[in-house]
Amino acid sequence: MITINEGFNVFIEAAYRFLEYLRIIKNASEHTVRNYAIDLNALKEYLEHDLLPEEEDEKLPPKIRYNEPFSERLKTYDAALVLDTITRKTIRGFLAHLSDNQVHKRTVVRRLSSLRTFFKYTLAQKWISANPTEELESPRVEKKVPNSLSYDQVQTLFDQPDTKTFLGFRDRVIMELFYSSGLRVSELVALDRQEFDPKNLLIKLKGKGKKERIVPITKNAADWINAYLTHPERCVEIDGHFAQQDSNAIFLNRLGTRLTTRSVDRKFDKYLTASGLIGKVTPHTIRHTIATHWLENGMDLKTIQMILGHISLATTTIYTQVSKGLKKKVYDQTHPRA
């Protein structure tokens, strides 16, 4: 028989304690903690608006914030949701609610996965007597074959930045590094100068779950990075500080501070528009592209898995579908009788 710790039986407080656990104990990335907060808020809003009386709407606690500590003031809300009132039937209703509102299946799967982890944690803490997500099946989602660019399309995209300007030069370096080693955007912006080893053509990355790995880079990419790090405009004085001394980051913005993932995404949107490429091209598209090109040129899946930092080989095998599709397309376009 589980003895329930009643002091933590309030949903919103348990949610904050859980996010704190992810941040401090599990050393989860900000991106991961934010996604858990989004999914917990989705359940919170469903419970409040679908299950609580309308007269209590004004007493609802505010949205759970992933980057703030728990505040005792949140306990003062009369409409606080109690964990043990959340049953398997409740979670089924929540999933049906998401489906009725045409939430994408992948999002539904992620939300259920987040709730599984949350309730597993609260059960381990003895804040609940049973996990309401047990024996619930996730919706089946077909694995989407990632977009991939041809060699010519890669060159078209790389030709867009104006390398005569400092920021354009930086953007070309970013593209070269993406294509060299298949980095995630978060890994690229987190790169520090000491993690770049031009002599041995290696970089050390901080991947998902803050797991570190060392991956090779091409000499071409290393030359671009070296040229960028010694670029005269990196030494421009900004507010009394030299840009290259203001941050240990390799990639800086125009103010001399670390580049953000959002800035990189915006840059790609700009160059995509200029290139005339059809479809949505993101930094992650370059990651998919180089993985496909590696496979087409004979690299084995295990090595690709290691370089990309995939935990499971099953994640990497999706590129075999891309490779087969591209080969069939080339065959159809070039064979005289196809």
Protein backbone atom coordinates (compact mmCIF):
# COMPACT_ATOMS: atom_id res chain seq x y z
CA MET A 1 0.00 0.00 0.00
CA ILE A 2 1.45 3.37 -1.07
CA THR A 3 1.32 6.16 1.50
CA ILE A 4 0.49 9.38 -0.33
CA ASN A 5 2.44 12.54 0.50
CA GLU A 6 -0.51 14.95 0.55
CA GLY A 7 1.75 18.00 0.63
CA PHE A 8 2.49 17.67 -3.07
CA ASN A 9 -0.92 16.55 -4.29
CA VAL A 10 -1.60 19.79 -6.18
CA PHE A 11 -1.07 19.47 -9.94
CA ILE A 12 0.58 22.83 -10.55
CA GLU A 13 3.08 22.41 -7.71
CA ALA A 14 3.91 18.87 -8.81
CA ALA A 15 4.46 20.20 -12.35
CA TYR A 16 6.93 22.82 -11.13
CA ARG A 17 8.77 20.27 -8.98
CA PHE A 18 8.96 17.95 -11.99
CA LEU A 19 10.42 20.66 -14.25
CA GLU A 20 12.94 21.49 -11.54
CA TYR A 21 13.87 17.79 -11.37
CA LEU A 22 14.42 17.73 -15.15
CA ARG A 23 16.55 20.85 -15.03
CA ILE A 24 18.71 20.09 -11.99
CA ILE A 25 18.80 16.30 -11.58
CA LYS A 26 18.41 15.13 -15.19
CA ASN A 27 20.41 18.07 -16.59
CA ALA A 28 17.84 18.43 -19.38
CA SER A 29 18.26 21.17 -21.97
CA GLU A 30 16.15 24.33 -21.90
CA HIS A 31 14.42 23.14 -25.08
CA THR A 32 13.42 19.84 -23.42
CA VAL A 33 12.12 21.51 -20.25
CA ARG A 34 10.15 24.01 -22.33
CA ASN A 35 8.46 21.22 -24.29
CA TYR A 36 7.46 19.41 -21.09
CA ALA A 37 5.99 22.68 -19.76
CA ILE A 38 4.00 23.14 -22.99
CA ASP A 39 2.56 19.62 -22.72
CA LEU A 40 1.72 19.98 -19.02
CA ASN A 41 0.00 23.30 -19.73
CA ALA A 42 -2.09 21.62 -22.43
CA LEU A 43 -3.40 19.10 -19.87
CA LYS A 44 -3.85 21.84 -17.26
CA GLU A 45 -6.00 23.93 -19.62
CA TYR A 46 -8.11 20.90 -20.56
CA LEU A 47 -8.72 20.01 -16.92
CA GLU A 48 -9.58 23.58 -15.96
CA HIS A 49 -11.94 24.42 -18.77
CA ASP A 50 -13.56 21.02 -19.22
CA LEU A 51 -13.78 19.72 -15.68
CA LEU A 52 -13.92 22.69 -13.30
CA PRO A 53 -17.09 24.75 -12.68
CA GLU A 54 -17.31 28.00 -14.69
CA GLU A 55 -17.56 30.11 -11.52
CA GLU A 56 -14.01 29.08 -10.64
CA ASP A 57 -12.49 30.38 -13.88
CA GLU A 58 -11.22 33.57 -12.25
CA LYS A 59 -9.40 31.56 -9.59
CA LEU A 60 -7.34 29.50 -12.01
CA PRO A 61 -3.58 29.51 -11.45
CA PRO A 62 -1.51 31.07 -14.25
CA LYS A 63 0.30 29.12 -16.94
CA ILE A 64 3.16 26.87 -15.84
CA ARG A 65 6.43 28.58 -16.77
CA TYR A 66 9.37 26.35 -17.62
CA ASN A 67 12.05 28.87 -16.58
CA GLU A 68 10.65 29.99 -13.21
CA PRO A 69 10.84 28.34 -9.77
CA PHE A 70 7.66 27.33 -7.95
CA SER A 71 6.06 30.15 -6.00
CA GLU A 72 4.13 29.53 -2.79
CA ARG A 73 1.54 32.05 -3.98
CA LEU A 74 0.30 29.45 -6.48
CA LYS A 75 -1.03 27.41 -3.55
CA THR A 76 -3.53 30.16 -2.74
CA TYR A 77 -5.71 29.44 -5.78
CA ASP A 78 -8.98 27.81 -4.69
CA ALA A 79 -9.36 26.00 -8.01
CA ALA A 80 -6.10 24.07 -7.68
CA LEU A 81 -6.32 20.71 -9.40
CA VAL A 82 -5.65 17.65 -7.29
CA LEU A 83 -3.41 14.96 -8.78
CA ASP A 84 -5.45 12.01 -7.57
CA THR A 85 -8.54 13.27 -9.43
CA ILE A 86 -6.69 12.66 -12.70
CA THR A 87 -7.56 9.13 -13.80
CA ARG A 88 -6.97 7.00 -16.89
CA LYS A 89 -10.42 8.09 -18.07
CA THR A 90 -9.32 11.72 -17.68
CA ILE A 91 -6.24 11.16 -19.85
CA ARG A 92 -8.32 9.33 -22.47
CA GLY A 93 -10.65 12.33 -22.53
CA PHE A 94 -7.69 14.66 -22.96
CA LEU A 95 -6.36 12.63 -25.90
CA ALA A 96 -9.83 12.61 -27.49
CA HIS A 97 -9.99 16.38 -26.97
CA LEU A 98 -6.69 16.82 -28.82
CA SER A 99 -7.93 14.62 -31.66
CA ASP A 100 -11.25 16.50 -31.89
CA ASN A 101 -9.30 19.76 -32.19
CA GLN A 102 -7.22 18.29 -35.04
CA VAL A 103 -3.95 18.41 -33.14
CA HIS A 104 -1.30 16.64 -35.23
CA LYS A 105 -0.72 13.00 -34.30
CA ARG A 106 2.97 13.62 -33.65
CA THR A 107 2.05 16.30 -31.12
CA VAL A 108 -0.46 13.96 -29.45
CA VAL A 109 2.22 11.26 -29.19
CA ARG A 110 4.68 13.73 -27.65
CA ARG A 111 2.09 15.00 -25.16
CA LEU A 112 1.25 11.49 -24.02
CA SER A 113 4.96 10.67 -23.73
CA SER A 114 5.48 13.79 -21.58
CA LEU A 115 2.57 12.84 -19.33
CA ARG A 116 3.89 9.29 -18.96
CA THR A 117 7.20 10.68 -17.69
CA PHE A 118 5.48 13.22 -15.42
CA PHE A 119 3.15 10.70 -13.78
CA LYS A 120 5.94 8.13 -13.47
CA TYR A 121 7.87 10.79 -11.54
CA THR A 122 4.91 11.72 -9.31
CA LEU A 123 4.26 8.03 -8.58
CA ALA A 124 7.91 7.53 -7.62
CA GLN A 125 7.57 10.52 -5.27
CA LYS A 126 4.43 8.89 -3.78
CA TRP A 127 2.30 11.90 -4.68
CA ILE A 128 -0.21 9.63 -6.44
CA SER A 129 -1.34 6.05 -5.84
CA ALA A 130 -1.55 4.98 -9.51
CA ASN A 131 -0.18 6.16 -12.85
CA PRO A 132 -3.16 7.24 -15.03
CA THR A 133 -1.15 6.83 -18.25
CA GLU A 134 -0.46 3.12 -17.75
CA GLU A 135 -1.83 0.78 -20.44
CA LEU A 136 -2.70 3.71 -22.72
CA GLU A 137 -1.56 3.16 -26.30
CA SER A 138 0.04 5.95 -28.30
CA PRO A 139 -1.52 6.82 -31.67
CA ARG A 140 0.30 5.22 -34.57
CA VAL A 141 2.26 7.72 -36.61
CA GLU A 142 3.86 6.93 -39.94
CA LYS A 143 7.53 7.79 -40.03
CA LYS A 144 7.90 10.81 -42.26
CA VAL A 145 10.73 10.61 -44.76
CA PRO A 146 12.82 13.76 -44.19
CA ASN A 147 13.38 16.32 -46.94
CA SER A 148 16.75 16.13 -48.65
CA LEU A 149 18.50 18.41 -51.14
CA SER A 150 20.45 17.42 -54.22
CA TYR A 151 24.11 18.42 -54.58
CA ASP A 152 23.13 21.25 -56.94
CA GLN A 153 20.48 22.52 -54.50
CA VAL A 154 23.03 22.53 -51.68
CA GLN A 155 25.33 24.69 -53.80
CA THR A 156 22.44 27.00 -54.73
CA LEU A 157 21.67 27.52 -51.04
CA PHE A 158 25.34 28.04 -50.16
CA ASP A 159 25.69 30.69 -52.87
CA GLN A 160 23.10 32.96 -51.21
CA PRO A 161 25.10 34.61 -48.37
CA ASP A 162 27.14 37.63 -49.44
CA THR A 163 30.57 36.54 -48.22
CA LYS A 164 31.95 40.03 -48.88
CA THR A 165 30.16 41.12 -45.70
CA PHE A 166 31.12 39.83 -42.25
CA LEU A 167 27.66 38.49 -41.38
CA GLY A 168 27.26 36.93 -44.82
CA PHE A 169 30.67 35.29 -44.40
CA ARG A 170 29.59 33.95 -41.01
CA ASP A 171 26.39 32.51 -42.50
CA ARG A 172 28.33 30.70 -45.22
CA VAL A 173 30.61 29.22 -42.53
CA ILE A 174 27.52 27.99 -40.67
CA MET A 175 26.21 26.29 -43.82
CA GLU A 176 29.57 24.67 -44.49
CA LEU A 177 29.72 23.30 -40.95
CA PHE A 178 26.14 22.01 -41.10
CA TYR A 179 26.92 20.15 -44.31
CA SER A 180 30.30 18.96 -43.05
CA SER A 181 29.10 17.21 -39.90
CA GLY A 182 25.29 17.22 -39.74
CA LEU A 183 25.03 19.31 -36.59
CA ARG A 184 21.77 20.21 -34.87
CA VAL A 185 21.16 23.97 -34.62
CA SER A 186 21.38 23.81 -30.81
CA GLU A 187 24.78 22.09 -31.11
CA LEU A 188 26.08 24.71 -33.52
CA VAL A 189 25.16 27.76 -31.43
CA ALA A 190 26.59 26.07 -28.30
CA LEU A 191 30.03 25.61 -29.91
CA ASP A 192 32.92 27.25 -28.05
CA ARG A 193 36.31 28.07 -29.52
CA GLN A 194 38.18 25.44 -27.49
CA GLU A 195 35.87 22.74 -28.88
CA PHE A 196 37.20 23.32 -32.40
CA ASP A 197 40.33 21.27 -33.19
CA PRO A 198 41.53 22.38 -36.65
CA LYS A 199 44.73 20.34 -36.45
CA ASN A 200 42.89 17.02 -36.13
CA LEU A 201 39.76 18.20 -38.00
CA LEU A 202 37.44 17.51 -35.05
CA ILE A 203 34.77 19.34 -33.06
CA LYS A 204 33.27 18.47 -29.68
CA LEU A 205 29.49 18.82 -29.54
CA LYS A 206 27.01 19.05 -26.69
CA GLY A 207 24.05 17.04 -27.99
CA LYS A 208 20.61 16.06 -26.69
CA GLY A 209 20.56 15.45 -22.97
CA LYS A 210 23.83 17.43 -22.88
CA LYS A 211 25.68 14.31 -24.00
CA GLU A 212 29.05 15.13 -25.53
CA ARG A 213 30.46 13.57 -28.67
CA ILE A 214 33.45 14.28 -30.90
CA VAL A 215 32.82 14.30 -34.64
CA PRO A 216 35.00 14.86 -37.71
CA ILE A 217 34.77 17.91 -39.94
CA THR A 218 36.02 18.41 -43.48
CA LYS A 219 39.19 20.40 -44.15
CA ASN A 220 37.06 22.74 -46.23
CA ALA A 221 34.79 23.48 -43.24
CA ALA A 222 37.82 23.88 -40.95
CA ASP A 223 39.35 26.41 -43.36
CA TRP A 224 36.10 28.41 -43.42
CA ILE A 225 35.94 28.42 -39.60
CA ASN A 226 39.58 29.51 -39.29
CA ALA A 227 39.01 32.31 -41.78
CA TYR A 228 35.93 33.41 -39.83
CA LEU A 229 37.69 33.34 -36.45
CA THR A 230 40.48 35.54 -37.81
CA HIS A 231 38.14 37.81 -39.78
CA PRO A 232 39.08 41.44 -39.07
CA GLU A 233 35.47 42.42 -38.32
CA ARG A 234 35.34 39.93 -35.42
CA CYS A 235 37.64 42.38 -33.66
CA VAL A 236 35.39 45.43 -34.09
CA GLU A 237 34.97 47.28 -30.79
CA ILE A 238 31.38 47.23 -29.47
CA ASP A 239 30.49 49.20 -26.32
CA GLY A 240 34.09 49.20 -25.17
CA HIS A 241 34.63 45.47 -25.74
CA PHE A 242 36.08 43.56 -28.63
CA ALA A 243 33.54 41.17 -30.11
CA GLN A 244 35.85 38.15 -30.14
CA GLN A 245 36.71 38.73 -26.47
CA ASP A 246 33.12 39.33 -25.41
CA SER A 247 32.10 35.70 -25.83
CA ASN A 248 33.75 32.31 -25.93
CA ALA A 249 31.23 31.28 -28.57
CA ILE A 250 32.43 30.55 -32.09
CA PHE A 251 29.37 32.06 -33.75
CA LEU A 252 28.51 35.60 -32.71
CA ASN A 253 25.74 37.99 -33.63
CA ARG A 254 26.38 41.57 -34.71
CA LEU A 255 26.62 42.66 -31.05
CA GLY A 256 29.38 40.17 -30.30
CA THR A 257 27.26 37.78 -28.22
CA ARG A 258 26.37 34.14 -28.84
CA LEU A 259 24.11 33.46 -31.81
CA THR A 260 20.69 31.96 -30.98
CA THR A 261 18.82 29.09 -32.63
CA ARG A 262 16.04 31.48 -33.61
CA SER A 263 18.52 33.75 -35.41
CA VAL A 264 19.88 30.79 -37.40
CA ASP A 265 16.34 29.73 -38.37
CA ARG A 266 15.52 33.26 -39.54
CA LYS A 267 18.69 33.40 -41.64
CA PHE A 268 17.77 30.16 -43.37
CA ASP A 269 14.28 31.48 -44.14
CA LYS A 270 15.89 34.53 -45.74
CA TYR A 271 18.28 32.50 -47.90
CA LEU A 272 15.57 30.03 -48.84
CA THR A 273 13.46 32.85 -50.25
CA ALA A 274 16.44 34.20 -52.17
CA SER A 275 17.41 30.77 -53.55
CA GLY A 276 14.00 29.96 -55.02
CA LEU A 277 14.14 26.41 -53.64
CA ILE A 278 10.71 24.80 -53.41
CA GLY A 279 9.56 23.47 -50.05
CA LYS A 280 10.63 24.30 -46.53
CA VAL A 281 14.38 24.16 -46.02
CA THR A 282 15.61 24.46 -42.45
CA PRO A 283 18.99 23.91 -40.83
CA HIS A 284 17.72 20.41 -40.02
CA THR A 285 17.22 19.81 -43.75
CA ILE A 286 20.98 20.14 -44.18
CA ARG A 287 21.44 17.52 -41.45
CA HIS A 288 19.09 15.17 -43.32
CA THR A 289 20.82 15.98 -46.61
CA ILE A 290 24.37 15.18 -45.54
CA ALA A 291 23.19 11.94 -43.87
CA THR A 292 21.57 10.92 -47.16
CA HIS A 293 24.68 11.87 -49.15
CA TRP A 294 26.90 9.91 -46.75
CA LEU A 295 24.72 6.85 -47.22
CA GLU A 296 24.72 7.20 -51.02
CA ASN A 297 28.51 7.40 -50.99
CA GLY A 298 28.94 4.21 -48.97
CA MET A 299 29.10 5.27 -45.32
CA ASP A 300 27.61 2.61 -43.03
CA LEU A 301 24.58 3.34 -40.83
CA LYS A 302 26.47 2.79 -37.57
CA THR A 303 28.99 5.51 -38.42
CA ILE A 304 26.21 7.88 -39.49
CA GLN A 305 24.44 7.17 -36.19
CA MET A 306 27.62 8.00 -34.27
CA ILE A 307 28.25 11.27 -36.10
CA LEU A 308 24.63 12.46 -35.87
CA GLY A 309 24.34 11.49 -32.21
CA HIS A 310 21.27 9.28 -32.63
CA ILE A 311 20.59 7.13 -29.58
CA SER A 312 18.86 4.45 -31.63
CA LEU A 313 19.99 3.01 -34.96
CA ALA A 314 16.30 2.85 -35.92
CA THR A 315 16.30 6.66 -36.14
CA THR A 316 19.17 6.55 -38.62
CA THR A 317 17.60 3.90 -40.88
CA ILE A 318 15.01 6.45 -42.10
CA TYR A 319 17.75 7.76 -44.43
CA THR A 320 17.76 4.48 -46.34
CA GLN A 321 14.24 5.38 -47.53
CA VAL A 322 15.43 8.82 -48.66
CA SER A 323 18.38 7.29 -50.51
CA LYS A 324 16.19 4.74 -52.30
CA GLY A 325 13.72 7.46 -53.26
CA LEU A 326 16.41 9.70 -54.70
CA LYS A 327 17.99 6.85 -56.66
CA LYS A 328 14.61 5.97 -58.16
CA LYS A 329 14.01 9.62 -59.08
CA VAL A 330 17.42 9.90 -60.77
CA TYR A 331 16.82 6.58 -62.55
CA ASP A 332 13.44 7.75 -63.86
CA GLN A 333 14.90 11.06 -65.05
CA THR A 334 17.96 9.62 -66.77
CA HIS A 335 17.02 6.19 -68.12
CA PRO A 336 15.97 6.45 -71.80
CA ARG A 337 13.18 3.90 -71.35
CA ALA A 338 12.04 4.85 -67.85
